[in-house]
């Protein structure tokens, strides 16, 4: 199996095969999104806004259906890229 097909299988099947896969990709995607949103606010110098962004993205439950869809997708893609890099170095 080529690495590209393995990448696609990892990205598609991990969140769809079990509840554990979905939850782990949801949490990982939430962490990635929280990191990028907080870093952008910190670099702009808005420290209070950065704290609020961190709190909203990490401590509060999902407030819309898009959060339930976007976070696992982001988590799956980032984890899939990480898997692809690790496997290509083998």
PDB file of N, CA and C in Angstrom:
ATOM      1  N   UNK A   1       0.852  -1.169   0.000  1.00  0.00           N
ATOM      2  CA  UNK A   1       0.000   0.000   0.000  1.00  0.00           C
ATOM      3  C   UNK A   1       0.900   1.235   0.000  1.00  0.00           C
ATOM      4  N   UNK A   2       0.554   2.182  -0.835  1.00  0.00           N
ATOM      5  CA  UNK A   2       1.366   3.397  -0.901  1.00  0.00           C
ATOM      6  C   UNK A   2       1.043   4.308   0.280  1.00  0.00           C
ATOM      7  N   UNK A   3       1.935   5.230   0.534  1.00  0.00           N
ATOM      8  CA  UNK A   3       1.746   6.149   1.658  1.00  0.00           C
ATOM      9  C   UNK A   3       0.535   7.059   1.449  1.00  0.00           C
ATOM     10  N   UNK A   4       0.278   7.428   0.200  1.00  0.00           N
ATOM     11  CA  UNK A   4      -0.858   8.317  -0.069  1.00  0.00           C
ATOM     12  C   UNK A   4      -2.191   7.628   0.229  1.00  0.00           C
ATOM     13  N   UNK A   5      -2.299   6.355  -0.142  1.00  0.00           N
ATOM     14  CA  UNK A   5      -3.532   5.618   0.156  1.00  0.00           C
ATOM     15  C   UNK A   5      -3.662   5.399   1.659  1.00  0.00           C
ATOM     16  N   UNK A   6      -2.559   5.110   2.321  1.00  0.00           N
ATOM     17  CA  UNK A   6      -2.574   4.965   3.777  1.00  0.00           C
ATOM     18  C   UNK A   6      -2.979   6.250   4.470  1.00  0.00           C
ATOM     19  N   UNK A   7      -2.505   7.388   3.941  1.00  0.00           N
ATOM     20  CA  UNK A   7      -2.888   8.688   4.485  1.00  0.00           C
ATOM     21  C   UNK A   7      -4.387   8.898   4.362  1.00  0.00           C
ATOM     22  N   UNK A   8      -4.926   8.628   3.187  1.00  0.00           N
ATOM     23  CA  UNK A   8      -6.370   8.806   2.988  1.00  0.00           C
ATOM     24  C   UNK A   8      -7.186   7.877   3.878  1.00  0.00           C
ATOM     25  N   UNK A   9      -6.736   6.627   4.023  1.00  0.00           N
ATOM     26  CA  UNK A   9      -7.438   5.699   4.913  1.00  0.00           C
ATOM     27  C   UNK A   9      -7.388   6.188   6.360  1.00  0.00           C
ATOM     28  N   UNK A  10      -6.242   6.701   6.773  1.00  0.00           N
ATOM     29  CA  UNK A  10      -6.094   7.196   8.145  1.00  0.00           C
ATOM     30  C   UNK A  10      -7.025   8.377   8.391  1.00  0.00           C
ATOM     31  N   UNK A  11      -7.062   9.307   7.440  1.00  0.00           N
ATOM     32  CA  UNK A  11      -7.872  10.514   7.616  1.00  0.00           C
ATOM     33  C   UNK A  11      -9.362  10.187   7.598  1.00  0.00           C
ATOM     34  N   UNK A  12      -9.776   9.287   6.732  1.00  0.00           N
ATOM     35  CA  UNK A  12     -11.209   9.000   6.590  1.00  0.00           C
ATOM     36  C   UNK A  12     -11.695   7.993   7.633  1.00  0.00           C
ATOM     37  N   UNK A  13     -10.946   6.927   7.842  1.00  0.00           N
ATOM     38  CA  UNK A  13     -11.451   5.842   8.684  1.00  0.00           C
ATOM     39  C   UNK A  13     -11.312   6.085  10.180  1.00  0.00           C
ATOM     40  N   UNK A  14     -10.332   6.856  10.603  1.00  0.00           N
ATOM     41  CA  UNK A  14     -10.137   7.032  12.050  1.00  0.00           C
ATOM     42  C   UNK A  14     -11.354   7.661  12.721  1.00  0.00           C
ATOM     43  N   UNK A  15     -11.882   8.783  12.243  1.00  0.00           N
ATOM     44  CA  UNK A  15     -13.044   9.338  12.954  1.00  0.00           C
ATOM     45  C   UNK A  15     -14.348   8.592  12.678  1.00  0.00           C
ATOM     46  N   UNK A  16     -14.393   7.793  11.621  1.00  0.00           N
ATOM     47  CA  UNK A  16     -15.657   7.150  11.251  1.00  0.00           C
ATOM     48  C   UNK A  16     -15.819   5.721  11.754  1.00  0.00           C
ATOM     49  N   UNK A  17     -14.748   5.071  12.191  1.00  0.00           N
ATOM     50  CA  UNK A  17     -14.863   3.654  12.548  1.00  0.00           C
ATOM     51  C   UNK A  17     -15.372   3.411  13.962  1.00  0.00           C
ATOM     52  N   UNK A  18     -15.043   4.272  14.895  1.00  0.00           N
ATOM     53  CA  UNK A  18     -15.491   4.034  16.269  1.00  0.00           C
ATOM     54  C   UNK A  18     -15.679   5.358  16.998  1.00  0.00           C
ATOM     55  N   UNK A  19     -16.341   5.266  18.130  1.00  0.00           N
ATOM     56  CA  UNK A  19     -16.524   6.462  18.955  1.00  0.00           C
ATOM     57  C   UNK A  19     -15.192   6.952  19.507  1.00  0.00           C
ATOM     58  N   UNK A  20     -14.307   6.008  19.826  1.00  0.00           N
ATOM     59  CA  UNK A  20     -12.996   6.378  20.367  1.00  0.00           C
ATOM     60  C   UNK A  20     -12.197   7.147  19.321  1.00  0.00           C
ATOM     61  N   UNK A  21     -12.236   6.705  18.070  1.00  0.00           N
ATOM     62  CA  UNK A  21     -11.529   7.409  17.005  1.00  0.00           C
ATOM     63  C   UNK A  21     -12.088   8.801  16.791  1.00  0.00           C
ATOM     64  N   UNK A  22     -13.416   8.930  16.816  1.00  0.00           N
ATOM     65  CA  UNK A  22     -14.033  10.245  16.633  1.00  0.00           C
ATOM     66  C   UNK A  22     -13.663  11.181  17.780  1.00  0.00           C
ATOM     67  N   UNK A  23     -13.781  10.698  19.006  1.00  0.00           N
ATOM     68  CA  UNK A  23     -13.503  11.539  20.173  1.00  0.00           C
ATOM     69  C   UNK A  23     -12.030  11.951  20.200  1.00  0.00           C
ATOM     70  N   UNK A  24     -11.136  11.020  19.873  1.00  0.00           N
ATOM     71  CA  UNK A  24      -9.713  11.379  19.895  1.00  0.00           C
ATOM     72  C   UNK A  24      -9.391  12.408  18.819  1.00  0.00           C
ATOM     73  N   UNK A  25      -9.965  12.291  17.636  1.00  0.00           N
ATOM     74  CA  UNK A  25      -9.729  13.290  16.586  1.00  0.00           C
ATOM     75  C   UNK A  25     -10.423  14.610  16.917  1.00  0.00           C
ATOM     76  N   UNK A  26     -11.575  14.542  17.594  1.00  0.00           N
ATOM     77  CA  UNK A  26     -12.254  15.756  18.029  1.00  0.00           C
ATOM     78  C   UNK A  26     -11.396  16.527  19.029  1.00  0.00           C
ATOM     79  N   UNK A  27     -10.843  15.826  20.009  1.00  0.00           N
ATOM     80  CA  UNK A  27      -9.999  16.485  21.019  1.00  0.00           C
ATOM     81  C   UNK A  27      -8.700  17.001  20.412  1.00  0.00           C
ATOM     82  N   UNK A  28      -8.091  16.214  19.539  1.00  0.00           N
ATOM     83  CA  UNK A  28      -6.848  16.646  18.912  1.00  0.00           C
ATOM     84  C   UNK A  28      -7.087  17.846  18.002  1.00  0.00           C
ATOM     85  N   UNK A  29      -8.160  17.825  17.244  1.00  0.00           N
ATOM     86  CA  UNK A  29      -8.494  18.966  16.382  1.00  0.00           C
ATOM     87  C   UNK A  29      -8.812  20.213  17.188  1.00  0.00           C
ATOM     88  N   UNK A  30      -9.482  20.038  18.316  1.00  0.00           N
ATOM     89  CA  UNK A  30      -9.754  21.177  19.188  1.00  0.00           C
ATOM     90  C   UNK A  30      -8.486  21.776  19.750  1.00  0.00           C
ATOM     91  N   UNK A  31      -7.527  20.920  20.077  1.00  0.00           N
ATOM     92  CA  UNK A  31      -6.244  21.408  20.582  1.00  0.00           C
ATOM     93  C   UNK A  31      -5.500  22.192  19.514  1.00  0.00           C
ATOM     94  N   UNK A  32      -5.502  21.690  18.295  1.00  0.00           N
ATOM     95  CA  UNK A  32      -4.820  22.384  17.197  1.00  0.00           C
ATOM     96  C   UNK A  32      -5.478  23.729  16.923  1.00  0.00           C
ATOM     97  N   UNK A  33      -6.795  23.762  16.851  1.00  0.00           N
ATOM     98  CA  UNK A  33      -7.500  25.022  16.597  1.00  0.00           C
ATOM     99  C   UNK A  33      -7.294  26.022  17.732  1.00  0.00           C
ATOM    100  N   UNK A  34      -7.322  25.546  18.966  1.00  0.00           N
ATOM    101  CA  UNK A  34      -7.081  26.420  20.117  1.00  0.00           C
ATOM    102  C   UNK A  34      -5.692  27.017  20.055  1.00  0.00           C
ATOM    103  N   UNK A  35      -4.696  26.198  19.716  1.00  0.00           N
ATOM    104  CA  UNK A  35      -3.323  26.683  19.620  1.00  0.00           C
ATOM    105  C   UNK A  35      -3.202  27.791  18.577  1.00  0.00           C
ATOM    106  N   UNK A  36      -3.736  27.564  17.378  1.00  0.00           N
ATOM    107  CA  UNK A  36      -3.606  28.568  16.317  1.00  0.00           C
ATOM    108  C   UNK A  36      -4.387  29.840  16.617  1.00  0.00           C
ATOM    109  N   UNK A  37      -5.575  29.715  17.194  1.00  0.00           N
ATOM    110  CA  UNK A  37      -6.354  30.915  17.522  1.00  0.00           C
ATOM    111  C   UNK A  37      -5.705  31.718  18.648  1.00  0.00           C
ATOM    112  N   UNK A  38      -5.151  31.047  19.636  1.00  0.00           N
ATOM    113  CA  UNK A  38      -4.512  31.744  20.750  1.00  0.00           C
ATOM    114  C   UNK A  38      -3.198  32.386  20.315  1.00  0.00           C
ATOM    115  N   UNK A  39      -2.415  31.694  19.513  1.00  0.00           N
ATOM    116  CA  UNK A  39      -1.140  32.247  19.042  1.00  0.00           C
ATOM    117  C   UNK A  39      -1.367  33.492  18.197  1.00  0.00           C
ATOM    118  N   UNK A  40      -2.372  33.496  17.357  1.00  0.00           N
ATOM    119  CA  UNK A  40      -2.633  34.679  16.529  1.00  0.00           C
ATOM    120  C   UNK A  40      -2.997  35.888  17.387  1.00  0.00           C
ATOM    121  N   UNK A  41      -3.736  35.662  18.456  1.00  0.00           N
ATOM    122  CA  UNK A  41      -4.083  36.769  19.352  1.00  0.00           C
ATOM    123  C   UNK A  41      -2.870  37.234  20.159  1.00  0.00           C
ATOM    124  N   UNK A  42      -2.005  36.301  20.567  1.00  0.00           N
ATOM    125  CA  UNK A  42      -0.816  36.680  21.329  1.00  0.00           C
ATOM    126  C   UNK A  42       0.142  37.514  20.486  1.00  0.00           C
ATOM    127  N   UNK A  43       0.320  37.161  19.228  1.00  0.00           N
ATOM    128  CA  UNK A  43       1.218  37.921  18.369  1.00  0.00           C
ATOM    129  C   UNK A  43       0.684  39.304  18.040  1.00  0.00           C
ATOM    130  N   UNK A  44      -0.616  39.474  18.080  1.00  0.00           N
ATOM    131  CA  UNK A  44      -1.177  40.800  17.820  1.00  0.00           C
ATOM    132  C   UNK A  44      -1.136  41.680  19.063  1.00  0.00           C
ATOM    133  N   UNK A  45      -0.779  41.128  20.209  1.00  0.00           N
ATOM    134  CA  UNK A  45      -0.638  41.911  21.431  1.00  0.00           C
ATOM    135  C   UNK A  45      -1.884  41.994  22.279  1.00  0.00           C
ATOM    136  N   UNK A  46      -2.918  41.308  21.903  1.00  0.00           N
ATOM    137  CA  UNK A  46      -4.168  41.313  22.667  1.00  0.00           C
ATOM    138  C   UNK A  46      -4.153  40.152  23.666  1.00  0.00           C
ATOM    139  N   UNK A  47      -3.569  40.380  24.825  1.00  0.00           N
ATOM    140  CA  UNK A  47      -3.410  39.292  25.780  1.00  0.00           C
ATOM    141  C   UNK A  47      -4.726  38.891  26.440  1.00  0.00           C
ATOM    142  N   UNK A  48      -5.582  39.856  26.714  1.00  0.00           N
ATOM    143  CA  UNK A  48      -6.890  39.532  27.308  1.00  0.00           C
ATOM    144  C   UNK A  48      -7.733  38.773  26.295  1.00  0.00           C
ATOM    145  N   UNK A  49      -7.678  39.221  25.057  1.00  0.00           N
ATOM    146  CA  UNK A  49      -8.416  38.534  24.002  1.00  0.00           C
ATOM    147  C   UNK A  49      -7.864  37.127  23.782  1.00  0.00           C
ATOM    148  N   UNK A  50      -6.550  36.960  23.914  1.00  0.00           N
ATOM    149  CA  UNK A  50      -5.935  35.633  23.775  1.00  0.00           C
ATOM    150  C   UNK A  50      -6.437  34.701  24.873  1.00  0.00           C
ATOM    151  N   UNK A  51      -6.539  35.213  26.099  1.00  0.00           N
ATOM    152  CA  UNK A  51      -7.061  34.396  27.189  1.00  0.00           C
ATOM    153  C   UNK A  51      -8.510  34.000  26.916  1.00  0.00           C
ATOM    154  N   UNK A  52      -9.309  34.932  26.437  1.00  0.00           N
ATOM    155  CA  UNK A  52     -10.708  34.630  26.136  1.00  0.00           C
ATOM    156  C   UNK A  52     -10.821  33.609  25.000  1.00  0.00           C
ATOM    157  N   UNK A  53      -9.988  33.762  23.972  1.00  0.00           N
ATOM    158  CA  UNK A  53      -9.992  32.795  22.878  1.00  0.00           C
ATOM    159  C   UNK A  53      -9.634  31.405  23.395  1.00  0.00           C
ATOM    160  N   UNK A  54      -8.606  31.339  24.242  1.00  0.00           N
ATOM    161  CA  UNK A  54      -8.197  30.048  24.795  1.00  0.00           C
ATOM    162  C   UNK A  54      -9.330  29.430  25.609  1.00  0.00           C
ATOM    163  N   UNK A  55      -9.982  30.234  26.429  1.00  0.00           N
ATOM    164  CA  UNK A  55     -11.069  29.731  27.255  1.00  0.00           C
ATOM    165  C   UNK A  55     -12.240  29.256  26.397  1.00  0.00           C
ATOM    166  N   UNK A  56     -12.606  30.042  25.395  1.00  0.00           N
ATOM    167  CA  UNK A  56     -13.752  29.699  24.558  1.00  0.00           C
ATOM    168  C   UNK A  56     -13.479  28.418  23.775  1.00  0.00           C
ATOM    169  N   UNK A  57     -12.281  28.288  23.232  1.00  0.00           N
ATOM    170  CA  UNK A  57     -11.988  27.135  22.390  1.00  0.00           C
ATOM    171  C   UNK A  57     -11.646  25.875  23.172  1.00  0.00           C
ATOM    172  N   UNK A  58     -11.205  26.005  24.428  1.00  0.00           N
ATOM    173  CA  UNK A  58     -10.781  24.797  25.129  1.00  0.00           C
ATOM    174  C   UNK A  58     -11.709  24.376  26.263  1.00  0.00           C
ATOM    175  N   UNK A  59     -12.304  25.323  26.962  1.00  0.00           N
ATOM    176  CA  UNK A  59     -13.057  24.958  28.162  1.00  0.00           C
ATOM    177  C   UNK A  59     -14.552  24.800  27.928  1.00  0.00           C
ATOM    178  N   UNK A  60     -15.085  25.465  26.939  1.00  0.00           N
ATOM    179  CA  UNK A  60     -16.525  25.406  26.719  1.00  0.00           C
ATOM    180  C   UNK A  60     -16.893  24.254  25.796  1.00  0.00           C
ATOM    181  N   UNK A  61     -18.055  23.661  25.981  1.00  0.00           N
ATOM    182  CA  UNK A  61     -18.497  22.597  25.073  1.00  0.00           C
ATOM    183  C   UNK A  61     -18.832  23.178  23.700  1.00  0.00           C
ATOM    184  N   UNK A  62     -18.962  22.326  22.696  1.00  0.00           N
ATOM    185  CA  UNK A  62     -19.262  22.837  21.356  1.00  0.00           C
ATOM    186  C   UNK A  62     -20.593  23.584  21.342  1.00  0.00           C
ATOM    187  N   UNK A  63     -20.591  24.712  20.660  1.00  0.00           N
ATOM    188  CA  UNK A  63     -21.785  25.549  20.632  1.00  0.00           C
ATOM    189  C   UNK A  63     -22.534  25.471  19.311  1.00  0.00           C
ATOM    190  N   UNK A  64     -21.975  24.784  18.334  1.00  0.00           N
ATOM    191  CA  UNK A  64     -22.666  24.670  17.054  1.00  0.00           C
ATOM    192  C   UNK A  64     -22.335  23.327  16.400  1.00  0.00           C
ATOM    193  N   UNK A  65     -23.082  23.027  15.397  1.00  0.00           N
ATOM    194  CA  UNK A  65     -22.867  21.781  14.661  1.00  0.00           C
ATOM    195  C   UNK A  65     -21.544  21.823  13.901  1.00  0.00           C
ATOM    196  N   UNK A  66     -21.135  23.003  13.488  1.00  0.00           N
ATOM    197  CA  UNK A  66     -19.870  23.109  12.743  1.00  0.00           C
ATOM    198  C   UNK A  66     -18.673  22.731  13.613  1.00  0.00           C
ATOM    199  N   UNK A  67     -18.734  23.005  14.922  1.00  0.00           N
ATOM    200  CA  UNK A  67     -17.651  22.572  15.811  1.00  0.00           C
ATOM    201  C   UNK A  67     -17.543  21.060  15.843  1.00  0.00           C
ATOM    202  N   UNK A  68     -18.664  20.373  15.811  1.00  0.00           N
ATOM    203  CA  UNK A  68     -18.660  18.914  15.840  1.00  0.00           C
ATOM    204  C   UNK A  68     -18.152  18.314  14.532  1.00  0.00           C
ATOM    205  N   UNK A  69     -18.159  19.091  13.465  1.00  0.00           N
ATOM    206  CA  UNK A  69     -17.696  18.600  12.174  1.00  0.00           C
ATOM    207  C   UNK A  69     -16.269  19.043  11.890  1.00  0.00           C
ATOM    208  N   UNK A  70     -15.954  20.303  12.160  1.00  0.00           N
ATOM    209  CA  UNK A  70     -14.644  20.869  11.792  1.00  0.00           C
ATOM    210  C   UNK A  70     -13.523  20.307  12.657  1.00  0.00           C
ATOM    211  N   UNK A  71     -13.729  20.191  13.948  1.00  0.00           N
ATOM    212  CA  UNK A  71     -12.653  19.743  14.837  1.00  0.00           C
ATOM    213  C   UNK A  71     -12.153  18.336  14.511  1.00  0.00           C
ATOM    214  N   UNK A  72     -13.020  17.340  14.285  1.00  0.00           N
ATOM    215  CA  UNK A  72     -12.484  16.021  13.898  1.00  0.00           C
ATOM    216  C   UNK A  72     -11.794  16.030  12.535  1.00  0.00           C
ATOM    217  N   UNK A  73     -12.271  16.875  11.619  1.00  0.00           N
ATOM    218  CA  UNK A  73     -11.621  16.955  10.309  1.00  0.00           C
ATOM    219  C   UNK A  73     -10.220  17.521  10.455  1.00  0.00           C
ATOM    220  N   UNK A  74     -10.084  18.602  11.220  1.00  0.00           N
ATOM    221  CA  UNK A  74      -8.758  19.192  11.443  1.00  0.00           C
ATOM    222  C   UNK A  74      -7.854  18.193  12.166  1.00  0.00           C
ATOM    223  N   UNK A  75      -8.377  17.543  13.182  1.00  0.00           N
ATOM    224  CA  UNK A  75      -7.587  16.561  13.915  1.00  0.00           C
ATOM    225  C   UNK A  75      -7.146  15.398  13.044  1.00  0.00           C
ATOM    226  N   UNK A  76      -8.025  14.912  12.184  1.00  0.00           N
ATOM    227  CA  UNK A  76      -7.684  13.795  11.305  1.00  0.00           C
ATOM    228  C   UNK A  76      -6.629  14.188  10.283  1.00  0.00           C
ATOM    229  N   UNK A  77      -6.757  15.373   9.719  1.00  0.00           N
ATOM    230  CA  UNK A  77      -5.789  15.810   8.707  1.00  0.00           C
ATOM    231  C   UNK A  77      -4.415  16.026   9.337  1.00  0.00           C
ATOM    232  N   UNK A  78      -4.357  16.701  10.478  1.00  0.00           N
ATOM    233  CA  UNK A  78      -3.066  16.941  11.132  1.00  0.00           C
ATOM    234  C   UNK A  78      -2.437  15.622  11.593  1.00  0.00           C
ATOM    235  N   UNK A  79      -3.240  14.730  12.164  1.00  0.00           N
ATOM    236  CA  UNK A  79      -2.713  13.429  12.580  1.00  0.00           C
ATOM    237  C   UNK A  79      -2.295  12.600  11.373  1.00  0.00           C
ATOM    238  N   UNK A  80      -3.037  12.697  10.280  1.00  0.00           N
ATOM    239  CA  UNK A  80      -2.671  11.977   9.056  1.00  0.00           C
ATOM    240  C   UNK A  80      -1.365  12.482   8.467  1.00  0.00           C
ATOM    241  N   UNK A  81      -1.161  13.795   8.482  1.00  0.00           N
ATOM    242  CA  UNK A  81       0.105  14.359   8.000  1.00  0.00           C
ATOM    243  C   UNK A  81       1.248  13.899   8.889  1.00  0.00           C
ATOM    244  N   UNK A  82       1.018  13.890  10.180  1.00  0.00           N
ATOM    245  CA  UNK A  82       2.042  13.404  11.114  1.00  0.00           C
ATOM    246  C   UNK A  82       2.360  11.932  10.848  1.00  0.00           C
ATOM    247  N   UNK A  83       1.351  11.118  10.605  1.00  0.00           N
ATOM    248  CA  UNK A  83       1.553   9.715  10.274  1.00  0.00           C
ATOM    249  C   UNK A  83       2.328   9.573   8.970  1.00  0.00           C
ATOM    250  N   UNK A  84       1.970  10.349   7.965  1.00  0.00           N
ATOM    251  CA  UNK A  84       2.635  10.294   6.659  1.00  0.00           C
ATOM    252  C   UNK A  84       4.130  10.632   6.787  1.00  0.00           C
ATOM    253  N   UNK A  85       4.450  11.665   7.547  1.00  0.00           N
ATOM    254  CA  UNK A  85       5.849  12.051   7.740  1.00  0.00           C
ATOM    255  C   UNK A  85       6.600  10.951   8.479  1.00  0.00           C
ATOM    256  N   UNK A  86       5.988  10.394   9.509  1.00  0.00           N
ATOM    257  CA  UNK A  86       6.648   9.338  10.292  1.00  0.00           C
ATOM    258  C   UNK A  86       6.876   8.083   9.436  1.00  0.00           C
ATOM    259  N   UNK A  87       5.922   7.730   8.612  1.00  0.00           N
ATOM    260  CA  UNK A  87       6.068   6.528   7.794  1.00  0.00           C
ATOM    261  C   UNK A  87       7.033   6.733   6.627  1.00  0.00           C
ATOM    262  N   UNK A  88       7.136   7.933   6.106  1.00  0.00           N
ATOM    263  CA  UNK A  88       8.045   8.166   4.993  1.00  0.00           C
ATOM    264  C   UNK A  88       9.507   8.174   5.462  1.00  0.00           C
ATOM    265  N   UNK A  89       9.745   8.395   6.746  1.00  0.00           N
ATOM    266  CA  UNK A  89      11.109   8.376   7.281  1.00  0.00           C
ATOM    267  C   UNK A  89      11.565   6.969   7.652  1.00  0.00           C
ATOM    268  N   UNK A  90      10.681   6.011   7.609  1.00  0.00           N
ATOM    269  CA  UNK A  90      11.017   4.626   7.971  1.00  0.00           C
ATOM    270  C   UNK A  90      11.897   3.982   6.965  1.00  0.00           C
TER     271      UNK A  90
END
